[in-house]
Amino acid sequence: MTLLHAICLCCLCALFTTSAAAQPYQPVPGQPGKDVVWIPTPDHAVEKMLDMARVTANDFVIDLGSGDGRNVIAAAKRGARALGVEYNADLVALSRRAATNAGVGDKVTIVHGDMFEADISKASVMTLFLLPDHLRRLAPQFLKLRPGTRIVSNTYEIGGGWEPDETVHAQPCKSWCVLVLYVVPAPVAGVWRLGEDEWLTLEQSYQQVYGTYAIGGVEVPIDNGRLRGEEIRFRVNQVEYSGRIDGDRMAGNATGQAVREWHATRSRE
């Protein structure tokens, strides 16, 4: 090889390296990641997920495994504050640029980290596209979220007995567009006092509520007990109870032949 040929070869290598470095990172659907392959949620399904969660400017939206940031960016465009947690450093940089370019860089935070170690305690909405095993692993953290927090998952259910509150097919639907909504239920299991000799004894399986109503020593089962966040409803002898839970207190209306108010306090005895 002559000196001239060597110089030309070096110049070509330098030109190729510079050109390659100038190309922005572009993720490829199906590329491997730490826990799952990266497959983006279709844009129209993203919007439907946010609709299901009723996202507003009052919400704090968290996406675990946030990928290119499309979920949190779309949430921020609705006025919400949003946090994405992503393990792939290239995707973190890409999504940060995308948030800035979309004009929502002040509302979106993308952090480089492990989704299983993330602090999700401040979320009012979570948007997820994870495998069932990952959702089950995260379920104990989900149940610790404030009652009423909305969790929307693309395609996969949390499982373990926790049934979705709502299921929707985003249209047009070719793939990855079956969306499920969970509303974190308030904890209501225990004994509640309604009056001097009036009690509710409740058991709970996620949003399903079972138990008995007792008054004057007479005990009857409750029917159709269900929670949606902090809201509760059940039926006792054709009387429909609906109410709202606030920690150790709940109150609402009982509708039978007439409508009356009811109040209950959790017993700590």
C-alpha atoms as a PDB file:
ATOM      1  CA  MET A   1       0.000   0.000   0.000  1.00  0.00           C
ATOM      2  CA  THR A   2       1.443   3.376  -0.993  1.00  0.00           C
ATOM      3  CA  LEU A   3       1.472   6.337   1.352  1.00  0.00           C
ATOM      4  CA  LEU A   4      -1.150   8.023  -0.831  1.00  0.00           C
ATOM      5  CA  HIS A   5      -3.444   4.993  -0.587  1.00  0.00           C
ATOM      6  CA  ALA A   6      -3.008   4.866   3.188  1.00  0.00           C
ATOM      7  CA  ILE A   7      -3.877   8.551   3.523  1.00  0.00           C
ATOM      8  CA  CYS A   8      -6.974   8.125   1.356  1.00  0.00           C
ATOM      9  CA  LEU A   9      -8.077   5.094   3.379  1.00  0.00           C
ATOM     10  CA  CYS A  10      -7.684   7.014   6.644  1.00  0.00           C
ATOM     11  CA  CYS A  11      -9.695   9.898   5.245  1.00  0.00           C
ATOM     12  CA  LEU A  12     -12.492   7.562   4.148  1.00  0.00           C
ATOM     13  CA  CYS A  13     -12.563   5.890   7.580  1.00  0.00           C
ATOM     14  CA  ALA A  14     -12.691   9.265   9.285  1.00  0.00           C
ATOM     15  CA  LEU A  15     -15.490  10.396   6.962  1.00  0.00           C
ATOM     16  CA  PHE A  16     -17.494   7.211   7.627  1.00  0.00           C
ATOM     17  CA  THR A  17     -17.018   7.507  11.391  1.00  0.00           C
ATOM     18  CA  THR A  18     -18.069  11.160  11.360  1.00  0.00           C
ATOM     19  CA  SER A  19     -21.119  10.369   9.234  1.00  0.00           C
ATOM     20  CA  ALA A  20     -22.153   7.488  11.491  1.00  0.00           C
ATOM     21  CA  ALA A  21     -21.726   9.616  14.603  1.00  0.00           C
ATOM     22  CA  ALA A  22     -23.868  12.334  13.049  1.00  0.00           C
ATOM     23  CA  GLN A  23     -26.796   9.956  12.597  1.00  0.00           C
ATOM     24  CA  PRO A  24     -29.308  10.281  15.470  1.00  0.00           C
ATOM     25  CA  TYR A  25     -30.136   7.150  17.424  1.00  0.00           C
ATOM     26  CA  GLN A  26     -33.212   5.394  16.097  1.00  0.00           C
ATOM     27  CA  PRO A  27     -34.692   2.523  18.119  1.00  0.00           C
ATOM     28  CA  VAL A  28     -36.027  -0.496  16.236  1.00  0.00           C
ATOM     29  CA  PRO A  29     -39.272  -2.162  17.355  1.00  0.00           C
ATOM     30  CA  GLY A  30     -38.427  -5.568  18.769  1.00  0.00           C
ATOM     31  CA  GLN A  31     -34.941  -4.596  19.927  1.00  0.00           C
ATOM     32  CA  PRO A  32     -33.936  -6.291  23.188  1.00  0.00           C
ATOM     33  CA  GLY A  33     -33.931  -4.451  26.490  1.00  0.00           C
ATOM     34  CA  LYS A  34     -33.090  -5.258  30.085  1.00  0.00           C
ATOM     35  CA  ASP A  35     -36.452  -6.858  30.913  1.00  0.00           C
ATOM     36  CA  VAL A  36     -38.486  -6.772  27.690  1.00  0.00           C
ATOM     37  CA  VAL A  37     -38.059  -6.074  24.022  1.00  0.00           C
ATOM     38  CA  TRP A  38     -39.021  -2.565  22.992  1.00  0.00           C
ATOM     39  CA  ILE A  39     -42.340  -2.365  21.155  1.00  0.00           C
ATOM     40  CA  PRO A  40     -43.972   1.083  21.092  1.00  0.00           C
ATOM     41  CA  THR A  41     -47.664   1.527  21.794  1.00  0.00           C
ATOM     42  CA  PRO A  42     -49.415   2.870  18.661  1.00  0.00           C
ATOM     43  CA  ASP A  43     -50.059   6.597  18.956  1.00  0.00           C
ATOM     44  CA  HIS A  44     -53.835   6.281  18.765  1.00  0.00           C
ATOM     45  CA  ALA A  45     -53.713   3.666  21.538  1.00  0.00           C
ATOM     46  CA  VAL A  46     -51.624   6.034  23.664  1.00  0.00           C
ATOM     47  CA  GLU A  47     -54.343   8.667  23.392  1.00  0.00           C
ATOM     48  CA  LYS A  48     -57.014   6.104  24.235  1.00  0.00           C
ATOM     49  CA  MET A  49     -55.068   5.020  27.339  1.00  0.00           C
ATOM     50  CA  LEU A  50     -54.974   8.627  28.518  1.00  0.00           C
ATOM     51  CA  ASP A  51     -58.690   8.982  27.780  1.00  0.00           C
ATOM     52  CA  MET A  52     -59.462   5.883  29.859  1.00  0.00           C
ATOM     53  CA  ALA A  53     -57.436   7.293  32.749  1.00  0.00           C
ATOM     54  CA  ARG A  54     -59.127  10.684  32.342  1.00  0.00           C
ATOM     55  CA  VAL A  55     -55.780  12.457  32.487  1.00  0.00           C
ATOM     56  CA  THR A  56     -55.928  16.161  33.304  1.00  0.00           C
ATOM     57  CA  ALA A  57     -53.522  18.898  34.306  1.00  0.00           C
ATOM     58  CA  ASN A  58     -53.969  17.792  37.930  1.00  0.00           C
ATOM     59  CA  ASP A  59     -52.356  14.400  37.330  1.00  0.00           C
ATOM     60  CA  PHE A  60     -48.875  13.016  37.797  1.00  0.00           C
ATOM     61  CA  VAL A  61     -48.359  10.287  35.209  1.00  0.00           C
ATOM     62  CA  ILE A  62     -45.644   7.640  35.520  1.00  0.00           C
ATOM     63  CA  ASP A  63     -44.572   5.229  32.783  1.00  0.00           C
ATOM     64  CA  LEU A  64     -42.266   2.341  33.711  1.00  0.00           C
ATOM     65  CA  GLY A  65     -40.164   1.277  30.753  1.00  0.00           C
ATOM     66  CA  SER A  66     -40.999   4.529  29.017  1.00  0.00           C
ATOM     67  CA  GLY A  67     -39.091   3.782  25.792  1.00  0.00           C
ATOM     68  CA  ASP A  68     -39.146   6.724  23.402  1.00  0.00           C
ATOM     69  CA  GLY A  69     -41.265   8.732  25.835  1.00  0.00           C
ATOM     70  CA  ARG A  70     -44.442   8.849  23.787  1.00  0.00           C
ATOM     71  CA  ASN A  71     -46.775   8.110  26.736  1.00  0.00           C
ATOM     72  CA  VAL A  72     -45.388  10.754  29.061  1.00  0.00           C
ATOM     73  CA  ILE A  73     -45.069  13.317  26.283  1.00  0.00           C
ATOM     74  CA  ALA A  74     -48.712  12.788  25.276  1.00  0.00           C
ATOM     75  CA  ALA A  75     -49.763  13.133  28.922  1.00  0.00           C
ATOM     76  CA  ALA A  76     -47.785  16.361  29.275  1.00  0.00           C
ATOM     77  CA  LYS A  77     -49.506  17.776  26.189  1.00  0.00           C
ATOM     78  CA  ARG A  78     -52.720  17.433  28.220  1.00  0.00           C
ATOM     79  CA  GLY A  79     -51.157  19.530  30.972  1.00  0.00           C
ATOM     80  CA  ALA A  80     -50.112  16.719  33.310  1.00  0.00           C
ATOM     81  CA  ARG A  81     -46.708  16.373  34.916  1.00  0.00           C
ATOM     82  CA  ALA A  82     -45.083  13.127  33.857  1.00  0.00           C
ATOM     83  CA  LEU A  83     -42.188  10.851  34.740  1.00  0.00           C
ATOM     84  CA  GLY A  84     -40.676   8.159  32.545  1.00  0.00           C
ATOM     85  CA  VAL A  85     -38.329   5.476  33.865  1.00  0.00           C
ATOM     86  CA  GLU A  86     -36.167   3.835  31.204  1.00  0.00           C
ATOM     87  CA  TYR A  87     -33.111   1.564  31.485  1.00  0.00           C
ATOM     88  CA  ASN A  88     -31.748   2.111  27.954  1.00  0.00           C
ATOM     89  CA  ALA A  89     -29.573   5.233  28.093  1.00  0.00           C
ATOM     90  CA  ASP A  90     -29.994   5.890  24.357  1.00  0.00           C
ATOM     91  CA  LEU A  91     -33.785   5.851  24.725  1.00  0.00           C
ATOM     92  CA  VAL A  92     -33.514   8.181  27.719  1.00  0.00           C
ATOM     93  CA  ALA A  93     -31.572  10.720  25.650  1.00  0.00           C
ATOM     94  CA  LEU A  94     -33.927  10.289  22.699  1.00  0.00           C
ATOM     95  CA  SER A  95     -37.065  10.812  24.786  1.00  0.00           C
ATOM     96  CA  ARG A  96     -35.618  13.848  26.558  1.00  0.00           C
ATOM     97  CA  ARG A  97     -34.955  15.462  23.173  1.00  0.00           C
ATOM     98  CA  ALA A  98     -38.441  14.503  21.995  1.00  0.00           C
ATOM     99  CA  ALA A  99     -40.031  16.104  25.060  1.00  0.00           C
ATOM    100  CA  THR A 100     -38.101  19.322  24.454  1.00  0.00           C
ATOM    101  CA  ASN A 101     -38.986  19.329  20.756  1.00  0.00           C
ATOM    102  CA  ALA A 102     -42.658  18.795  21.657  1.00  0.00           C
ATOM    103  CA  GLY A 103     -42.566  21.848  23.921  1.00  0.00           C
ATOM    104  CA  VAL A 104     -43.212  19.910  27.136  1.00  0.00           C
ATOM    105  CA  GLY A 105     -39.679  19.579  28.464  1.00  0.00           C
ATOM    106  CA  ASP A 106     -40.691  21.519  31.570  1.00  0.00           C
ATOM    107  CA  LYS A 107     -43.426  18.976  32.401  1.00  0.00           C
ATOM    108  CA  VAL A 108     -41.645  15.720  31.533  1.00  0.00           C
ATOM    109  CA  THR A 109     -38.832  14.077  33.481  1.00  0.00           C
ATOM    110  CA  ILE A 110     -37.105  11.014  32.034  1.00  0.00           C
ATOM    111  CA  VAL A 111     -34.792   9.143  34.399  1.00  0.00           C
ATOM    112  CA  HIS A 112     -32.307   6.401  33.653  1.00  0.00           C
ATOM    113  CA  GLY A 113     -33.115   3.554  36.020  1.00  0.00           C
ATOM    114  CA  ASP A 114     -34.596   0.163  36.814  1.00  0.00           C
ATOM    115  CA  MET A 115     -38.397   0.140  36.792  1.00  0.00           C
ATOM    116  CA  PHE A 116     -38.503  -2.306  39.713  1.00  0.00           C
ATOM    117  CA  GLU A 117     -36.582   0.134  41.902  1.00  0.00           C
ATOM    118  CA  ALA A 118     -38.503   3.272  40.902  1.00  0.00           C
ATOM    119  CA  ASP A 119     -40.475   5.301  43.437  1.00  0.00           C
ATOM    120  CA  ILE A 120     -44.026   5.365  42.071  1.00  0.00           C
ATOM    121  CA  SER A 121     -45.721   6.570  45.254  1.00  0.00           C
ATOM    122  CA  LYS A 122     -46.686   9.980  43.829  1.00  0.00           C
ATOM    123  CA  ALA A 123     -48.430   8.660  40.724  1.00  0.00           C
ATOM    124  CA  SER A 124     -52.081   9.428  40.146  1.00  0.00           C
ATOM    125  CA  VAL A 125     -51.945   7.653  36.755  1.00  0.00           C
ATOM    126  CA  MET A 126     -49.689   4.917  35.429  1.00  0.00           C
ATOM    127  CA  THR A 127     -49.397   3.973  31.751  1.00  0.00           C
ATOM    128  CA  LEU A 128     -47.747   0.595  31.161  1.00  0.00           C
ATOM    129  CA  PHE A 129     -46.789  -1.846  28.434  1.00  0.00           C
ATOM    130  CA  LEU A 130     -45.163  -4.692  30.357  1.00  0.00           C
ATOM    131  CA  LEU A 131     -45.334  -8.469  30.418  1.00  0.00           C
ATOM    132  CA  PRO A 132     -47.661 -10.270  32.871  1.00  0.00           C
ATOM    133  CA  ASP A 133     -44.768 -11.478  35.047  1.00  0.00           C
ATOM    134  CA  HIS A 134     -43.531  -7.918  35.458  1.00  0.00           C
ATOM    135  CA  LEU A 135     -47.012  -6.621  36.259  1.00  0.00           C
ATOM    136  CA  ARG A 136     -47.509  -9.294  38.910  1.00  0.00           C
ATOM    137  CA  ARG A 137     -44.137  -8.445  40.415  1.00  0.00           C
ATOM    138  CA  LEU A 138     -45.126  -4.780  40.587  1.00  0.00           C
ATOM    139  CA  ALA A 139     -48.687  -5.438  41.826  1.00  0.00           C
ATOM    140  CA  PRO A 140     -47.849  -5.047  45.552  1.00  0.00           C
ATOM    141  CA  GLN A 141     -46.503  -1.568  44.806  1.00  0.00           C
ATOM    142  CA  PHE A 142     -49.586  -0.718  42.754  1.00  0.00           C
ATOM    143  CA  LEU A 143     -51.879  -1.629  45.654  1.00  0.00           C
ATOM    144  CA  LYS A 144     -49.994   0.766  47.936  1.00  0.00           C
ATOM    145  CA  LEU A 145     -50.807   3.713  45.670  1.00  0.00           C
ATOM    146  CA  ARG A 146     -53.398   6.239  46.756  1.00  0.00           C
ATOM    147  CA  PRO A 147     -56.922   4.850  46.291  1.00  0.00           C
ATOM    148  CA  GLY A 148     -58.331   6.113  43.017  1.00  0.00           C
ATOM    149  CA  THR A 149     -55.000   5.963  41.167  1.00  0.00           C
ATOM    150  CA  ARG A 150     -55.648   4.776  37.601  1.00  0.00           C
ATOM    151  CA  ILE A 151     -53.420   2.151  35.983  1.00  0.00           C
ATOM    152  CA  VAL A 152     -53.787   1.572  32.248  1.00  0.00           C
ATOM    153  CA  SER A 153     -51.971  -1.389  30.712  1.00  0.00           C
ATOM    154  CA  ASN A 154     -51.549  -2.165  27.036  1.00  0.00           C
ATOM    155  CA  THR A 155     -52.485  -5.778  26.165  1.00  0.00           C
ATOM    156  CA  TYR A 156     -51.478  -7.502  29.403  1.00  0.00           C
ATOM    157  CA  GLU A 157     -53.454  -7.812  32.642  1.00  0.00           C
ATOM    158  CA  ILE A 158     -52.003  -7.634  36.139  1.00  0.00           C
ATOM    159  CA  GLY A 159     -53.590 -10.967  37.015  1.00  0.00           C
ATOM    160  CA  GLY A 160     -53.431 -12.673  40.374  1.00  0.00           C
ATOM    161  CA  GLY A 161     -57.169 -12.221  40.834  1.00  0.00           C
ATOM    162  CA  TRP A 162     -57.190  -8.464  40.208  1.00  0.00           C
ATOM    163  CA  GLU A 163     -59.724  -7.992  37.425  1.00  0.00           C
ATOM    164  CA  PRO A 164     -59.724  -4.909  35.178  1.00  0.00           C
ATOM    165  CA  ASP A 165     -62.353  -2.265  35.848  1.00  0.00           C
ATOM    166  CA  GLU A 166     -62.604  -1.607  32.139  1.00  0.00           C
ATOM    167  CA  THR A 167     -61.355  -3.144  28.880  1.00  0.00           C
ATOM    168  CA  VAL A 168     -61.288  -1.278  25.560  1.00  0.00           C
ATOM    169  CA  HIS A 169     -60.083  -2.072  22.040  1.00  0.00           C
ATOM    170  CA  ALA A 170     -58.415   0.997  20.555  1.00  0.00           C
ATOM    171  CA  GLN A 171     -59.529   1.390  16.947  1.00  0.00           C
ATOM    172  CA  PRO A 172     -58.188   0.746  14.381  1.00  0.00           C
ATOM    173  CA  CYS A 173     -56.771  -2.347  16.045  1.00  0.00           C
ATOM    174  CA  LYS A 174     -54.085  -4.396  14.283  1.00  0.00           C
ATOM    175  CA  SER A 175     -51.894  -5.289  17.280  1.00  0.00           C
ATOM    176  CA  TRP A 176     -51.033  -4.046  20.759  1.00  0.00           C
ATOM    177  CA  CYS A 177     -54.303  -2.171  21.212  1.00  0.00           C
ATOM    178  CA  VAL A 178     -56.321  -4.045  23.858  1.00  0.00           C
ATOM    179  CA  LEU A 179     -56.255  -1.669  26.811  1.00  0.00           C
ATOM    180  CA  VAL A 180     -57.184  -2.496  30.404  1.00  0.00           C
ATOM    181  CA  LEU A 181     -57.896  -0.052  33.219  1.00  0.00           C
ATOM    182  CA  TYR A 182     -57.456  -0.693  36.936  1.00  0.00           C
ATOM    183  CA  VAL A 183     -58.519   1.752  39.644  1.00  0.00           C
ATOM    184  CA  VAL A 184     -56.622   1.187  42.884  1.00  0.00           C
ATOM    185  CA  PRO A 185     -59.241   0.262  45.507  1.00  0.00           C
ATOM    186  CA  ALA A 186     -59.379   1.677  49.012  1.00  0.00           C
ATOM    187  CA  PRO A 187     -58.758  -0.836  51.818  1.00  0.00           C
ATOM    188  CA  VAL A 188     -62.134  -1.563  53.467  1.00  0.00           C
ATOM    189  CA  ALA A 189     -61.727  -4.978  55.072  1.00  0.00           C
ATOM    190  CA  GLY A 190     -62.746  -4.896  58.730  1.00  0.00           C
ATOM    191  CA  VAL A 191     -65.629  -4.010  61.000  1.00  0.00           C
ATOM    192  CA  TRP A 192     -67.491  -0.733  60.529  1.00  0.00           C
ATOM    193  CA  ARG A 193     -69.977   0.809  62.944  1.00  0.00           C
ATOM    194  CA  LEU A 194     -73.004   2.560  61.447  1.00  0.00           C
ATOM    195  CA  GLY A 195     -75.048   3.162  64.567  1.00  0.00           C
ATOM    196  CA  GLU A 196     -75.545   2.139  68.177  1.00  0.00           C
ATOM    197  CA  ASP A 197     -76.341  -1.452  67.229  1.00  0.00           C
ATOM    198  CA  GLU A 198     -75.650  -1.443  63.494  1.00  0.00           C
ATOM    199  CA  TRP A 199     -72.499  -2.941  61.959  1.00  0.00           C
ATOM    200  CA  LEU A 200     -70.850  -3.841  58.675  1.00  0.00           C
ATOM    201  CA  THR A 201     -68.271  -6.612  58.588  1.00  0.00           C
ATOM    202  CA  LEU A 202     -66.426  -6.478  55.285  1.00  0.00           C
ATOM    203  CA  GLU A 203     -63.987  -8.720  53.462  1.00  0.00           C
ATOM    204  CA  GLN A 204     -62.188  -7.630  50.321  1.00  0.00           C
ATOM    205  CA  SER A 205     -60.558  -9.134  47.250  1.00  0.00           C
ATOM    206  CA  TYR A 206     -59.192  -6.179  45.288  1.00  0.00           C
ATOM    207  CA  GLN A 207     -62.320  -4.253  44.170  1.00  0.00           C
ATOM    208  CA  GLN A 208     -64.738  -7.016  45.172  1.00  0.00           C
ATOM    209  CA  VAL A 209     -66.390  -6.627  48.593  1.00  0.00           C
ATOM    210  CA  TYR A 210     -68.146  -9.313  50.631  1.00  0.00           C
ATOM    211  CA  GLY A 211     -69.510  -9.473  54.151  1.00  0.00           C
ATOM    212  CA  THR A 212     -72.494  -8.994  56.406  1.00  0.00           C
ATOM    213  CA  TYR A 213     -74.748  -6.275  57.736  1.00  0.00           C
ATOM    214  CA  ALA A 214     -76.038  -6.652  61.299  1.00  0.00           C
ATOM    215  CA  ILE A 215     -78.617  -4.679  63.240  1.00  0.00           C
ATOM    216  CA  GLY A 216     -80.233  -5.576  66.524  1.00  0.00           C
ATOM    217  CA  GLY A 217     -78.569  -8.975  66.509  1.00  0.00           C
ATOM    218  CA  VAL A 218     -79.954  -9.885  63.078  1.00  0.00           C
ATOM    219  CA  GLU A 219     -77.274 -10.515  60.438  1.00  0.00           C
ATOM    220  CA  VAL A 220     -77.718 -10.666  56.655  1.00  0.00           C
ATOM    221  CA  PRO A 221     -75.196 -10.929  53.794  1.00  0.00           C
ATOM    222  CA  ILE A 222     -74.426  -7.977  51.572  1.00  0.00           C
ATOM    223  CA  ASP A 223     -74.697  -8.352  47.784  1.00  0.00           C
ATOM    224  CA  ASN A 224     -73.004  -6.781  44.766  1.00  0.00           C
ATOM    225  CA  GLY A 225     -70.248  -5.178  46.822  1.00  0.00           C
ATOM    226  CA  ARG A 226     -67.756  -3.320  44.689  1.00  0.00           C
ATOM    227  CA  LEU A 227     -65.112  -0.614  44.974  1.00  0.00           C
ATOM    228  CA  ARG A 228     -63.877   1.860  42.418  1.00  0.00           C
ATOM    229  CA  GLY A 229     -61.072   3.729  44.088  1.00  0.00           C
ATOM    230  CA  GLU A 230     -62.587   5.454  47.126  1.00  0.00           C
ATOM    231  CA  GLU A 231     -66.152   4.821  45.989  1.00  0.00           C
ATOM    232  CA  ILE A 232     -68.109   1.875  47.387  1.00  0.00           C
ATOM    233  CA  ARG A 233     -71.471   0.339  46.614  1.00  0.00           C
ATOM    234  CA  PHE A 234     -73.326  -2.698  47.933  1.00  0.00           C
ATOM    235  CA  ARG A 235     -76.872  -3.925  48.524  1.00  0.00           C
ATOM    236  CA  VAL A 236     -78.607  -5.053  51.709  1.00  0.00           C
ATOM    237  CA  ASN A 237     -82.172  -6.436  51.448  1.00  0.00           C
ATOM    238  CA  GLN A 238     -82.943  -4.511  48.249  1.00  0.00           C
ATOM    239  CA  VAL A 239     -81.516  -1.300  49.698  1.00  0.00           C
ATOM    240  CA  GLU A 240     -78.714   0.116  47.547  1.00  0.00           C
ATOM    241  CA  TYR A 241     -75.843   1.683  49.472  1.00  0.00           C
ATOM    242  CA  SER A 242     -73.370   3.985  47.759  1.00  0.00           C
ATOM    243  CA  GLY A 243     -70.715   6.073  49.404  1.00  0.00           C
ATOM    244  CA  ARG A 244     -67.183   7.327  49.604  1.00  0.00           C
ATOM    245  CA  ILE A 245     -64.340   6.147  51.825  1.00  0.00           C
ATOM    246  CA  ASP A 246     -62.038   8.579  53.609  1.00  0.00           C
ATOM    247  CA  GLY A 247     -59.558   6.562  55.633  1.00  0.00           C
ATOM    248  CA  ASP A 248     -61.457   5.133  58.598  1.00  0.00           C
ATOM    249  CA  ARG A 249     -64.719   6.826  57.683  1.00  0.00           C
ATOM    250  CA  MET A 250     -67.217   6.367  54.909  1.00  0.00           C
ATOM    251  CA  ALA A 251     -70.536   7.986  54.128  1.00  0.00           C
ATOM    252  CA  GLY A 252     -73.148   8.131  51.419  1.00  0.00           C
ATOM    253  CA  ASN A 253     -76.767   7.435  50.564  1.00  0.00           C
ATOM    254  CA  ALA A 254     -78.938   4.352  51.055  1.00  0.00           C
ATOM    255  CA  THR A 255     -81.694   4.074  48.458  1.00  0.00           C
ATOM    256  CA  GLY A 256     -84.733   1.882  49.097  1.00  0.00           C
ATOM    257  CA  GLN A 257     -88.321   3.018  49.402  1.00  0.00           C
ATOM    258  CA  ALA A 258     -86.755   6.301  50.459  1.00  0.00           C
ATOM    259  CA  VAL A 259     -83.281   7.826  50.362  1.00  0.00           C
ATOM    260  CA  ARG A 260     -81.378   8.346  53.575  1.00  0.00           C
ATOM    261  CA  GLU A 261     -77.837   9.236  54.495  1.00  0.00           C
ATOM    262  CA  TRP A 262     -75.548   6.734  56.176  1.00  0.00           C
ATOM    263  CA  HIS A 263     -72.212   7.051  57.938  1.00  0.00           C
ATOM    264  CA  ALA A 264     -69.768   4.424  59.169  1.00  0.00           C
ATOM    265  CA  THR A 265     -66.567   4.429  61.209  1.00  0.00           C
ATOM    266  CA  ARG A 266     -64.012   1.642  61.177  1.00  0.00           C
ATOM    267  CA  SER A 267     -63.743  -0.160  64.488  1.00  0.00           C
ATOM    268  CA  ARG A 268     -60.221  -0.591  65.861  1.00  0.00           C
ATOM    269  CA  GLU A 269     -61.278  -2.919  68.702  1.00  0.00           C
END
